[in-house]
Protein backbone atom coordinates (compact mmCIF):
# COMPACT_ATOMS: atom_id res chain seq x y z
CA UNK A 1 -0.15 0.07 0.22
CA UNK A 2 1.71 3.03 -0.95
CA UNK A 3 0.04 5.29 1.65
CA UNK A 4 1.35 3.39 4.38
CA UNK A 5 5.14 4.38 3.03
CA UNK A 6 6.92 6.50 4.85
CA UNK A 7 3.88 6.44 7.68
CA UNK A 8 4.64 7.42 11.34
CA UNK A 9 3.97 4.75 13.79
CA UNK A 10 3.25 5.37 17.46
CA UNK A 11 5.88 4.97 19.81
CA UNK A 12 6.76 2.01 21.65
CA UNK A 13 5.68 3.02 24.83
CA UNK A 14 6.83 0.50 27.49
CA UNK A 15 9.53 2.81 28.88
CA UNK A 16 8.13 6.21 28.39
CA UNK A 17 5.77 7.28 31.54
CA UNK A 18 2.25 6.14 32.31
CA UNK A 19 0.69 9.00 31.07
CA UNK A 20 2.24 8.68 27.55
CA UNK A 21 -1.27 7.24 26.64
CA UNK A 22 -2.78 7.06 23.20
CA UNK A 23 -5.86 8.16 24.90
CA UNK A 24 -4.54 10.94 26.21
CA UNK A 25 -2.69 12.53 23.41
CA UNK A 26 -5.11 15.90 21.71
CA UNK A 27 -6.44 15.63 17.95
CA UNK A 28 -3.33 16.50 16.01
CA UNK A 29 -3.00 18.37 13.06
CA UNK A 30 -0.92 17.42 10.04
CA UNK A 31 -0.42 21.90 9.56
CA UNK A 32 0.63 23.76 12.10
CA UNK A 33 -1.78 26.46 13.15
CA UNK A 34 -1.24 29.88 11.39
CA UNK A 35 -1.03 32.53 14.88
CA UNK A 36 -2.98 35.87 14.07
CA UNK A 37 -1.29 38.91 16.11
CA UNK A 38 -3.06 42.08 17.50
CA UNK A 39 -4.83 44.46 15.25
CA UNK A 40 -1.86 46.89 15.55
CA UNK A 41 0.94 44.81 15.16
CA UNK A 42 -1.20 43.62 12.27
CA UNK A 43 -1.32 46.53 11.23
CA UNK A 44 2.01 47.29 11.70
CA UNK A 45 3.26 43.92 9.42
CA UNK A 46 1.39 45.28 6.53
CA UNK A 47 2.50 48.85 6.65
CA UNK A 48 6.32 47.12 6.63
CA UNK A 49 5.54 45.34 3.03
CA UNK A 50 7.62 46.85 0.40
CA UNK A 51 5.61 48.51 -2.86
CA UNK A 52 6.55 45.47 -5.10
CA UNK A 53 5.46 42.94 -2.14
CA UNK A 54 2.51 45.03 -2.19
CA UNK A 55 1.10 44.03 -5.09
CA UNK A 56 0.86 40.41 -4.55
CA UNK A 57 -0.10 40.61 -1.07
CA UNK A 58 -3.33 43.22 -1.75
CA UNK A 59 -4.14 40.74 -5.02
CA UNK A 60 -4.38 37.80 -2.66
CA UNK A 61 -5.81 40.08 0.42
CA UNK A 62 -8.25 40.84 -2.14
CA UNK A 63 -9.70 37.91 -3.16
CA UNK A 64 -9.78 36.44 0.58
CA UNK A 65 -12.28 39.32 1.26
CA UNK A 66 -14.54 38.66 -1.53
CA UNK A 67 -14.28 34.55 -0.28
CA UNK A 68 -14.70 35.69 3.10
CA UNK A 69 -18.07 37.17 2.12
CA UNK A 70 -19.16 34.59 -0.35
CA UNK A 71 -18.64 31.39 1.81
CA UNK A 72 -16.07 28.60 1.76
CA UNK A 73 -18.12 26.62 -1.12
CA UNK A 74 -18.50 29.50 -3.16
CA UNK A 75 -15.79 30.66 -5.49
CA UNK A 76 -15.80 34.95 -5.99
CA UNK A 77 -13.72 35.22 -8.17
CA UNK A 78 -11.07 33.61 -10.14
CA UNK A 79 -8.15 32.34 -8.10
CA UNK A 80 -5.32 34.26 -8.15
CA UNK A 81 -2.05 32.48 -9.40
CA UNK A 82 0.88 35.15 -8.81
CA UNK A 83 4.79 34.50 -8.64
CA UNK A 84 6.89 36.83 -6.26
CA UNK A 85 10.48 36.71 -6.81
CA UNK A 86 13.66 38.63 -6.59
CA UNK A 87 17.11 37.94 -4.61
CA UNK A 88 18.00 37.02 -1.71
CA UNK A 89 17.42 39.36 0.75
CA UNK A 90 14.39 41.03 -0.80
CA UNK A 91 11.56 39.92 1.86
CA UNK A 92 10.54 36.95 0.82
CA UNK A 93 10.11 34.82 3.61
CA UNK A 94 8.57 38.31 5.86
CA UNK A 95 6.03 38.83 2.62
CA UNK A 96 4.78 35.21 3.17
CA UNK A 97 3.97 35.14 6.85
CA UNK A 98 2.16 39.14 6.15
CA UNK A 99 0.22 37.61 3.49
CA UNK A 100 -0.48 34.42 5.41
CA UNK A 101 -1.64 36.05 8.47
CA UNK A 102 -4.12 38.52 6.69
CA UNK A 103 -5.53 35.69 4.51
CA UNK A 104 -6.04 33.76 8.38
CA UNK A 105 -7.34 36.50 9.93
CA UNK A 106 -9.69 37.13 7.13
CA UNK A 107 -10.86 33.65 6.64
CA UNK A 108 -11.23 32.30 9.50
CA UNK A 109 -14.65 32.59 11.12
CA UNK A 110 -15.52 31.65 15.50
CA UNK A 111 -16.07 28.15 14.98
CA UNK A 112 -14.59 26.96 12.38
CA UNK A 113 -12.42 23.70 12.77
CA UNK A 114 -8.77 24.94 13.90
CA UNK A 115 -7.67 21.97 12.76
CA UNK A 116 -8.72 22.43 8.63
CA UNK A 117 -6.28 24.95 7.11
CA UNK A 118 -7.69 28.24 5.30
CA UNK A 119 -3.95 28.66 3.67
CA UNK A 120 -1.57 25.92 3.19
CA UNK A 121 2.15 26.61 3.52
CA UNK A 122 4.38 24.64 1.69
CA UNK A 123 8.02 23.91 0.73
CA UNK A 124 10.40 21.68 -1.13
CA UNK A 125 12.19 21.06 2.24
CA UNK A 126 12.10 20.43 5.74
CA UNK A 127 14.28 23.79 6.72
CA UNK A 128 12.66 25.95 4.16
CA UNK A 129 9.09 24.64 5.47
CA UNK A 130 10.25 25.11 9.09
CA UNK A 131 11.31 28.85 8.18
CA UNK A 132 7.74 29.84 7.14
CA UNK A 133 6.08 27.49 9.17
CA UNK A 134 4.56 25.51 7.22
CA UNK A 135 5.26 21.46 6.04
CA UNK A 136 6.90 19.96 3.00
CA UNK A 137 4.89 19.21 -0.17
CA UNK A 138 5.40 15.80 -0.01
CA UNK A 139 4.27 15.52 3.39
CA UNK A 140 0.98 18.40 3.54
CA UNK A 141 -0.41 16.97 -0.42
CA UNK A 142 0.77 13.26 0.21
CA UNK A 143 3.05 13.32 -2.78
CA UNK A 144 5.68 11.13 -3.92
CA UNK A 145 8.20 12.44 -6.55
CA UNK A 146 10.46 11.02 -8.63
CA UNK A 147 7.92 8.44 -10.12
CA UNK A 148 4.47 9.47 -12.33
CA UNK A 149 1.37 10.42 -10.35
CA UNK A 150 0.40 8.07 -8.18
CA UNK A 151 -3.34 9.04 -7.23
CA UNK A 152 -4.60 8.54 -2.99
CA UNK A 153 -6.13 5.51 -1.54
CA UNK A 154 -10.32 6.06 -1.43
CA UNK A 155 -9.93 6.54 2.58
CA UNK A 156 -6.39 8.85 1.99
CA UNK A 157 -8.32 10.59 -0.42
CA UNK A 158 -11.52 10.95 1.79
CA UNK A 159 -9.69 11.82 4.93
CA UNK A 160 -7.81 15.09 2.59
CA UNK A 161 -11.21 16.13 0.98
CA UNK A 162 -12.79 16.53 4.99
CA UNK A 163 -9.28 17.90 5.93
CA UNK A 164 -9.09 20.53 2.93
CA UNK A 165 -13.17 21.71 2.73
CA UNK A 166 -12.15 25.04 3.69
CA UNK A 167 -8.60 25.62 1.85
CA UNK A 168 -8.47 28.74 0.01
CA UNK A 169 -5.20 29.39 -0.21
CA UNK A 170 -1.52 27.72 -1.26
CA UNK A 171 1.38 29.36 -0.60
CA UNK A 172 5.01 27.45 -1.93
CA UNK A 173 8.32 28.76 -0.59
CA UNK A 174 11.30 28.35 -2.73
CA UNK A 175 9.81 26.86 -6.33
CA UNK A 176 13.33 27.16 -7.30
CA UNK A 177 13.67 23.61 -6.02
CA UNK A 178 10.82 22.47 -7.17
CA UNK A 179 10.14 20.21 -10.36
CA UNK A 180 8.18 20.75 -13.55
CA UNK A 181 6.43 17.87 -13.33
CA UNK A 182 5.92 18.31 -8.83
CA UNK A 183 4.29 21.29 -10.23
CA UNK A 184 2.09 19.11 -12.31
CA UNK A 185 1.57 16.80 -9.49
CA UNK A 186 0.56 19.52 -7.01
CA UNK A 187 -2.58 20.75 -9.69
CA UNK A 188 -3.05 16.71 -10.24
CA UNK A 189 -3.51 16.08 -6.18
CA UNK A 190 -5.59 19.55 -5.76
CA UNK A 191 -8.11 18.20 -8.96
CA UNK A 192 -8.40 14.89 -7.00
CA UNK A 193 -9.20 16.42 -3.79
CA UNK A 194 -11.40 18.80 -5.06
CA UNK A 195 -13.02 16.98 -7.78
CA UNK A 196 -12.60 19.35 -10.42
CA UNK A 197 -10.79 20.24 -13.59
CA UNK A 198 -10.20 24.00 -12.24
CA UNK A 199 -6.41 24.43 -12.18
CA UNK A 200 -5.05 23.79 -8.66
CA UNK A 201 -8.15 22.61 -7.46
CA UNK A 202 -9.79 26.14 -7.44
CA UNK A 203 -7.80 27.22 -4.94
CA UNK A 204 -5.83 30.43 -5.04
CA UNK A 205 -1.54 29.93 -5.37
CA UNK A 206 1.49 32.26 -4.44
CA UNK A 207 4.87 30.86 -5.38
CA UNK A 208 7.67 32.57 -3.75
CA UNK A 209 11.17 32.42 -4.55
CA UNK A 210 14.26 32.98 -7.26
CA UNK A 211 14.64 30.78 -9.88
CA UNK A 212 18.28 32.07 -9.97
CA UNK A 213 19.24 29.74 -6.88
CA UNK A 214 19.20 26.34 -6.44
CA UNK A 215 17.47 24.47 -8.71
CA UNK A 216 15.02 20.73 -8.22
CA UNK A 217 17.42 17.94 -7.49
CA UNK A 218 17.35 15.15 -10.25
CA UNK A 219 14.17 16.98 -11.47
CA UNK A 220 13.55 19.51 -14.81
CA UNK A 221 13.48 23.38 -13.67
CA UNK A 222 10.05 24.59 -12.64
CA UNK A 223 9.87 26.65 -16.05
CA UNK A 224 10.93 24.27 -18.28
CA UNK A 225 8.64 20.84 -20.02
CA UNK A 226 7.81 18.18 -17.25
CA UNK A 227 8.57 14.90 -18.27
CA UNK A 228 5.62 12.37 -17.66
CA UNK A 229 3.76 12.53 -20.61
CA UNK A 230 0.48 13.22 -19.26
CA UNK A 231 2.23 16.57 -17.39
CA UNK A 232 3.47 17.56 -21.24
CA UNK A 233 -0.24 17.14 -22.69
CA UNK A 234 -0.53 19.94 -20.16
CA UNK A 235 1.86 21.65 -20.92
CA UNK A 236 1.21 21.18 -24.49
CA UNK A 237 -1.99 23.03 -23.90
CA UNK A 238 -3.85 25.90 -22.77
CA UNK A 239 -3.84 24.58 -19.46
CA UNK A 240 0.08 25.33 -19.24
CA UNK A 241 0.92 26.19 -15.08
CA UNK A 242 3.77 28.17 -15.02
CA UNK A 243 2.10 30.10 -18.05
CA UNK A 244 -1.14 30.55 -16.13
CA UNK A 245 0.77 33.18 -13.19
CA UNK A 246 0.87 36.29 -12.94
CA UNK A 247 4.34 37.92 -12.03
CA UNK A 248 6.10 40.28 -9.31
CA UNK A 249 9.57 41.06 -9.08
CA UNK A 250 10.88 41.64 -5.58
CA UNK A 251 13.49 44.13 -5.55
CA UNK A 252 14.29 46.16 -2.30
CA UNK A 253 16.68 44.32 -0.32
CA UNK A 254 16.02 44.29 3.34
CA UNK A 255 18.85 41.93 4.80
CA UNK A 256 21.59 43.72 3.16
CA UNK A 257 20.45 47.46 2.67
CA UNK A 258 22.37 49.50 0.45
CA UNK A 259 26.10 49.00 0.72
CA UNK A 260 29.13 47.61 -1.17
CA UNK A 261 27.88 44.43 -0.20
CA UNK A 262 24.33 44.51 -1.81
CA UNK A 263 25.63 45.57 -5.23
CA UNK A 264 28.17 43.04 -5.29
CA UNK A 265 25.56 40.31 -4.17
CA UNK A 266 23.29 41.74 -7.40
CA UNK A 267 26.54 40.98 -9.42
CA UNK A 268 27.05 37.81 -8.23
CA UNK A 269 23.52 36.27 -8.21
CA UNK A 270 23.57 37.45 -12.49
CA UNK A 271 27.24 35.57 -12.16
CA UNK A 272 28.80 39.14 -13.16
CA UNK A 273 32.40 39.32 -11.07
CA UNK A 274 34.22 42.90 -10.98
CA UNK A 275 37.66 42.91 -10.25
CA UNK A 276 36.61 45.09 -7.44
CA UNK A 277 34.17 42.35 -6.27
CA UNK A 278 36.86 39.38 -6.53
CA UNK A 279 39.59 41.76 -4.61
CA UNK A 280 35.93 42.26 -2.07
CA UNK A 281 36.08 38.07 -2.06
CA UNK A 282 39.68 37.22 -1.99
CA UNK A 283 39.86 39.07 1.49
CA UNK A 284 38.07 36.51 3.14
CA UNK A 285 39.92 33.84 2.62
CA UNK A 286 40.14 31.85 5.89
CA UNK A 287 44.32 32.23 5.44
CA UNK A 288 43.96 35.86 5.87
CA UNK A 289 41.83 35.49 9.36
CA UNK A 290 43.78 32.49 11.46
CA UNK A 291 42.02 34.31 14.57
CA UNK A 292 38.80 33.18 13.33
CA UNK A 293 36.61 30.65 15.90
CA UNK A 294 35.48 28.31 13.12
CA UNK A 295 34.26 26.20 15.58
CA UNK A 296 31.38 28.74 16.25
CA UNK A 297 31.03 29.24 12.96
CA UNK A 298 28.30 27.44 10.14
CA UNK A 299 30.11 26.22 8.06
CA UNK A 300 28.71 25.24 4.82
CA UNK A 301 29.40 22.62 1.60
CA UNK A 302 28.15 20.76 -1.49
CA UNK A 303 28.21 17.42 -1.05
CA UNK A 304 26.47 15.47 2.10
CA UNK A 305 29.64 13.62 2.44
CA UNK A 306 31.85 16.62 3.50
CA UNK A 307 29.26 17.71 5.70
CA UNK A 308 29.10 14.29 7.71
CA UNK A 309 32.69 14.59 7.74
CA UNK A 310 32.88 18.13 9.25
CA UNK A 311 29.98 17.00 12.06
CA UNK A 312 32.28 13.80 12.97
CA UNK A 313 35.47 15.77 13.17
CA UNK A 314 33.65 18.76 15.01
CA UNK A 315 31.76 15.82 17.54
CA UNK A 316 35.53 14.65 18.08
CA UNK A 317 35.94 18.06 19.69
CA UNK A 318 33.45 18.41 22.08
CA UNK A 319 34.32 17.41 25.86
CA UNK A 320 32.74 14.47 26.81
CA UNK A 321 31.88 10.76 26.06
CA UNK A 322 29.93 9.47 22.49
CA UNK A 323 27.10 8.20 22.73
CA UNK A 324 26.16 5.38 19.98
CA UNK A 325 22.38 5.01 19.44
CA UNK A 326 21.93 2.22 16.73
CA UNK A 327 18.74 2.19 14.70
CA UNK A 328 16.61 -1.15 14.70
CA UNK A 329 15.66 -2.53 11.54
CA UNK A 330 13.27 -4.74 10.64
CA UNK A 331 13.54 -6.37 6.84
CA UNK A 332 12.10 -9.64 4.94
CA UNK A 333 14.02 -12.31 5.29
CA UNK A 334 16.65 -12.36 2.79
CA UNK A 335 17.04 -9.02 2.57
CA UNK A 336 20.27 -6.43 3.58
CA UNK A 337 19.30 -2.92 3.45
CA UNK A 338 21.51 -0.45 2.06
CA UNK A 339 23.64 1.93 3.98
CA UNK A 340 24.65 5.22 2.12
CA UNK A 341 28.32 6.39 2.46
CA UNK A 342 26.91 8.85 5.16
CA UNK A 343 25.46 6.58 7.34
CA UNK A 344 21.73 6.81 6.36
CA UNK A 345 19.23 3.81 5.54
CA UNK A 346 18.14 3.05 1.99
CA UNK A 347 16.16 6.28 0.90
CA UNK A 348 15.40 7.51 4.19
CA UNK A 349 17.21 9.94 6.44
CA UNK A 350 17.60 7.89 9.60
CA UNK A 351 21.24 6.86 10.19
CA UNK A 352 22.17 3.00 11.25
CA UNK A 353 24.66 4.74 13.78
CA UNK A 354 23.74 7.87 15.75
CA UNK A 355 26.52 9.16 17.08
CA UNK A 356 25.78 12.05 20.00
CA UNK A 357 27.48 13.97 22.85
CA UNK A 358 26.15 16.56 25.13
CA UNK A 359 26.55 20.19 23.54
CA UNK A 360 26.62 18.92 20.11
CA UNK A 361 24.36 20.66 17.61
CA UNK A 362 21.58 18.45 15.89
CA UNK A 363 18.66 18.95 13.43
CA UNK A 364 15.66 16.88 13.33
CA UNK A 365 15.36 14.87 10.15
CA UNK A 366 11.85 13.72 10.21
CA UNK A 367 8.35 15.03 10.88
CA UNK A 368 7.73 14.21 14.73
CA UNK A 369 4.45 16.45 15.26
CA UNK A 370 4.10 19.10 13.00
CA UNK A 371 1.55 21.03 14.88
CA UNK A 372 4.15 21.86 17.36
CA UNK A 373 7.05 22.82 14.93
CA UNK A 374 8.70 19.49 15.87
CA UNK A 375 9.60 18.81 12.21
CA UNK A 376 11.73 18.05 9.44
CA UNK A 377 14.82 20.94 9.75
CA UNK A 378 14.46 22.18 13.42
CA UNK A 379 17.63 23.09 14.72
CA UNK A 380 18.84 22.58 18.53
CA UNK A 381 21.33 21.73 20.70
CA UNK A 382 21.69 18.32 22.83
CA UNK A 383 21.86 18.72 26.34
CA UNK A 384 21.05 15.61 28.07
CA UNK A 385 19.68 11.92 27.95
CA UNK A 386 16.94 9.42 29.41
CA UNK A 387 17.40 6.27 30.30
CA UNK A 388 15.08 3.83 30.51
CA UNK A 389 14.82 0.93 33.36
CA UNK A 390 16.26 -1.68 31.46
CA UNK A 391 19.46 1.33 31.36
CA UNK A 392 18.36 1.93 27.60
CA UNK A 393 18.43 5.11 26.25
CA UNK A 394 14.58 6.19 25.36
CA UNK A 395 15.05 9.99 24.87
CA UNK A 396 17.26 12.58 24.13
CA UNK A 397 16.71 16.35 25.40
CA UNK A 398 17.31 18.79 22.99
CA UNK A 399 17.43 22.82 23.33
CA UNK A 400 15.87 24.09 20.22
CA UNK A 401 17.27 27.56 18.62
CA UNK A 402 13.85 28.17 18.49
CA UNK A 403 11.81 28.55 22.46
CA UNK A 404 8.32 27.46 20.68
CA UNK A 405 9.73 24.57 18.84
CA UNK A 406 8.38 21.94 21.31
CA UNK A 407 6.03 23.59 24.07
CA UNK A 408 3.34 20.82 23.45
CA UNK A 409 5.63 18.23 23.75
CA UNK A 410 7.51 19.61 26.61
CA UNK A 411 3.90 20.42 28.79
CA UNK A 412 2.98 16.24 27.54
CA UNK A 413 5.92 14.63 28.97
CA UNK A 414 7.16 16.82 31.92
CA UNK A 415 8.48 13.72 33.67
CA UNK A 416 10.66 13.23 31.04
CA UNK A 417 12.24 16.74 31.38
CA UNK A 418 12.43 17.13 34.61
CA UNK A 419 15.91 18.75 35.28
CA UNK A 420 16.06 20.43 32.10
CA UNK A 421 12.93 22.66 32.58
CA UNK A 422 15.42 25.90 32.66
CA UNK A 423 17.28 24.59 29.57
CA UNK A 424 14.20 24.39 28.22
CA UNK A 425 14.92 20.78 27.22
CA UNK A 426 12.44 19.28 24.60
CA UNK A 427 12.42 15.12 24.83
CA UNK A 428 12.91 13.49 21.36
CA UNK A 429 11.85 9.93 21.37
CA UNK A 430 12.75 6.91 18.75
CA UNK A 431 10.37 6.81 15.66
CA UNK A 432 9.38 4.05 13.27
CA UNK A 433 9.53 4.58 9.34
CA UNK A 434 7.90 2.26 7.23
CA UNK A 435 9.42 2.42 3.72
CA UNK A 436 10.38 0.16 0.69
CA UNK A 437 13.77 -1.04 1.00
CA UNK A 438 16.15 -0.37 -1.77
CA UNK A 439 18.50 -3.49 -3.32
CA UNK A 440 22.01 -3.41 -2.01
CA UNK A 441 22.79 -6.94 -4.12
CA UNK A 442 20.68 -8.74 -2.03
CA UNK A 443 17.37 -10.15 -3.27
CA UNK A 444 15.06 -8.01 -4.75
CA UNK A 445 13.55 -4.76 -3.29
CA UNK A 446 10.16 -4.71 -5.29
CA UNK A 447 7.56 -5.52 -2.30
CA UNK A 448 10.45 -4.99 0.33
CA UNK A 449 8.76 -3.55 3.31
CA UNK A 450 11.00 -2.35 5.75
CA UNK A 451 10.75 -0.97 9.22
CA UNK A 452 12.94 1.19 10.96
CA UNK A 453 12.94 2.44 14.11
CA UNK A 454 15.60 5.46 15.65
CA UNK A 455 16.18 8.88 16.95
CA UNK A 456 14.75 11.20 13.96
CA UNK A 457 18.61 12.95 14.79
CA UNK A 458 21.79 14.03 12.85
CA UNK A 459 24.25 16.63 13.72
CA UNK A 460 24.67 19.52 12.17
CA UNK A 461 27.49 21.21 13.32
CA UNK A 462 27.56 22.11 9.19
CA UNK A 463 25.29 21.88 6.19
CA UNK A 464 24.76 21.25 2.30
CA UNK A 465 23.97 24.69 0.38
CA UNK A 466 20.69 23.15 -0.58
CA UNK A 467 19.53 23.10 3.21
CA UNK A 468 20.14 26.73 4.09
CA UNK A 469 18.61 28.29 0.91
CA UNK A 470 16.00 30.41 2.16
CA UNK A 471 17.82 30.90 5.68
CA UNK A 472 19.74 34.28 7.15
CA UNK A 473 22.83 33.07 9.24
CA UNK A 474 23.81 35.46 11.86
CA UNK A 475 26.88 33.93 13.07
CA UNK A 476 30.02 33.82 11.09
CA UNK A 477 29.75 31.24 8.09
CA UNK A 478 32.60 29.72 6.05
CA UNK A 479 31.54 29.10 2.45
CA UNK A 480 33.57 25.72 1.09
CA UNK A 481 34.41 25.09 -2.12
CA UNK A 482 34.43 21.61 -4.41
CA UNK A 483 37.01 20.64 -6.68
CA UNK A 484 34.41 19.17 -8.85
CA UNK A 485 31.26 20.31 -10.91
CA UNK A 486 28.99 22.28 -8.48
CA UNK A 487 25.34 23.70 -9.65
CA UNK A 488 26.18 27.30 -10.96
CA UNK A 489 24.23 29.21 -8.38
CA UNK A 490 25.86 27.06 -5.38
CA UNK A 491 28.49 29.86 -4.25
CA UNK A 492 25.60 32.95 -4.96
CA UNK A 493 23.77 30.71 -2.38
CA UNK A 494 26.14 30.01 0.36
CA UNK A 495 27.32 33.90 -0.26
CA UNK A 496 23.77 35.49 0.14
CA UNK A 497 23.37 33.38 3.42
CA UNK A 498 24.78 36.43 5.41
CA UNK A 499 23.87 40.07 6.43
CA UNK A 500 27.27 41.49 5.94
CA UNK A 501 30.58 40.40 4.19
CA UNK A 502 32.02 41.15 7.55
CA UNK A 503 30.35 37.38 8.27
CA UNK A 504 31.59 36.04 5.15
CA UNK A 505 35.17 33.61 5.08
CA UNK A 506 35.77 31.68 2.16
CA UNK A 507 38.04 28.39 2.00
CA UNK A 508 41.04 28.02 -0.69
CA UNK A 509 39.24 25.17 -2.41
CA UNK A 510 36.69 28.33 -3.04
CA UNK A 511 36.97 29.06 -6.90
CA UNK A 512 35.37 32.36 -7.70
CA UNK A 513 35.16 31.48 -11.36
CA UNK A 514 32.35 29.01 -9.99
CA UNK A 515 30.58 31.64 -9.04
CA UNK A 516 27.97 31.57 -12.73
CA UNK A 517 24.21 31.26 -13.16
CA UNK A 518 22.03 29.60 -15.36
CA UNK A 519 21.43 31.11 -18.56
CA UNK A 520 18.44 29.37 -18.98
CA UNK A 521 17.21 30.38 -15.72
CA UNK A 522 18.28 34.01 -16.12
CA UNK A 523 16.41 33.97 -19.34
CA UNK A 524 12.98 33.19 -17.99
CA UNK A 525 13.87 35.69 -15.40
CA UNK A 526 14.36 38.60 -17.46
CA UNK A 527 10.70 36.73 -19.28
CA UNK A 528 9.24 37.48 -15.44
CA UNK A 529 10.70 40.83 -15.29
CA UNK A 530 8.92 41.89 -18.39
CA UNK A 531 5.78 40.74 -17.37
CA UNK A 532 6.10 41.70 -13.83
CA UNK A 533 2.37 43.85 -12.68
CA UNK A 534 5.29 46.33 -10.86
CA UNK A 535 5.59 47.79 -14.69
CA UNK A 536 1.79 48.26 -14.73
CA UNK A 537 2.66 50.44 -11.45
CA UNK A 538 5.36 52.34 -12.95
CA UNK A 539 3.51 52.78 -15.92
CA UNK A 540 0.49 54.74 -13.91
CA UNK A 541 3.19 56.65 -11.67
């Protein structure tokens, strides 16, 4: 049953406090509630938007007002489909936050079920979803990318129909990392759920991002011809999804302000380096800053292997004993699970052996509870371990960077959290995952159901550039080069994470000649710019 793949199972309660009974757990939502602030604060949020941000904001809000008057079952007007795109620091996350809060404020009525979303916040990666308080496209819509479109089972389809009966608006962040076929899969899933042929099931859609940042992994860029033949048919018709969107170019830079660094990044985004840009970046070589405390800096690499190597090196440098936590793997007879070079099992994010210490940086690799912000991508620090009656470790205690992450978990497992209250410690238990196996020179993986139980954590002293896309790094950042071919926009994504050039450091492998952009993506950006709704505003002015 494909709907059971990667399904989170209830954890083993044998060694946990008696209060952790299934009947005592509150009804859970797959989606984190959007919190609406006071009227004064909401007004300040709207007033903080730049003129270019105001265009998609007002189009969405106007639609929400009309829908609120008409009622959720009626369509008051054609749902807007908008692309808001711009370089790093143009306030894309802030605009998503403002738009989602105002849409929620307008659409949510007294008596509405709080577990049924009016606004759905989605992103292609866990980290990107975490930044906007949303969830991944795969989890949020029950999608499985990389294969042809797979319809839902009847029971799951009915579950989504009930859950989404009030849904009006979908916001997708970091759309550059969404593949062309994935865009059509999103459309098909919504049509399947809402039993309609209207584009995206009749929902308003706002896509936010930058085509000159990282493209999708193992997929065609979102603006290009899809691969799957049924998607190609739509792409070739008057229902071409990408062409159905209006575009707005965001230009006001909030992250960097107007500075030499801002102007430099604007050129790097286009793959254009002046001699002054080169000189500026050469001054940021690690060899010229030997006094830098590299252990307290964020390190960014291209490959997972490099990330794991640095994480293990950083783990060794932390005082204390290493705690080794081995995964429990249940497989069919004759099947041997595949362990990747960086230690994960098959195609999951679970590690065969997870090595931790008190004081190490970690990231959640699994959606433990979305409504409690315990989602893939949440960052924190290990502050302790809790042992069961048999001496085995039943919980890893983590202080998350965002103090609101895990509030419900802490309240529910007070007994487990004893002694860690002042540090805001949150218990993370083992999670079980069912997935289809991947062949490893033993029997065929077809039909092999593998069950993996492990703590859903990984070391996070460093990260790949893909995971950092969309984030703002406030600490020092060390960007590491890669000797082989890298995506053309990777180095720009790395460098544009920081608010100041003074926080950027480059290792000797960071080749400035590899700061490039995709010519196809640039051509499409220029087309979007030429059609931007900001042009109409400028003409009227």
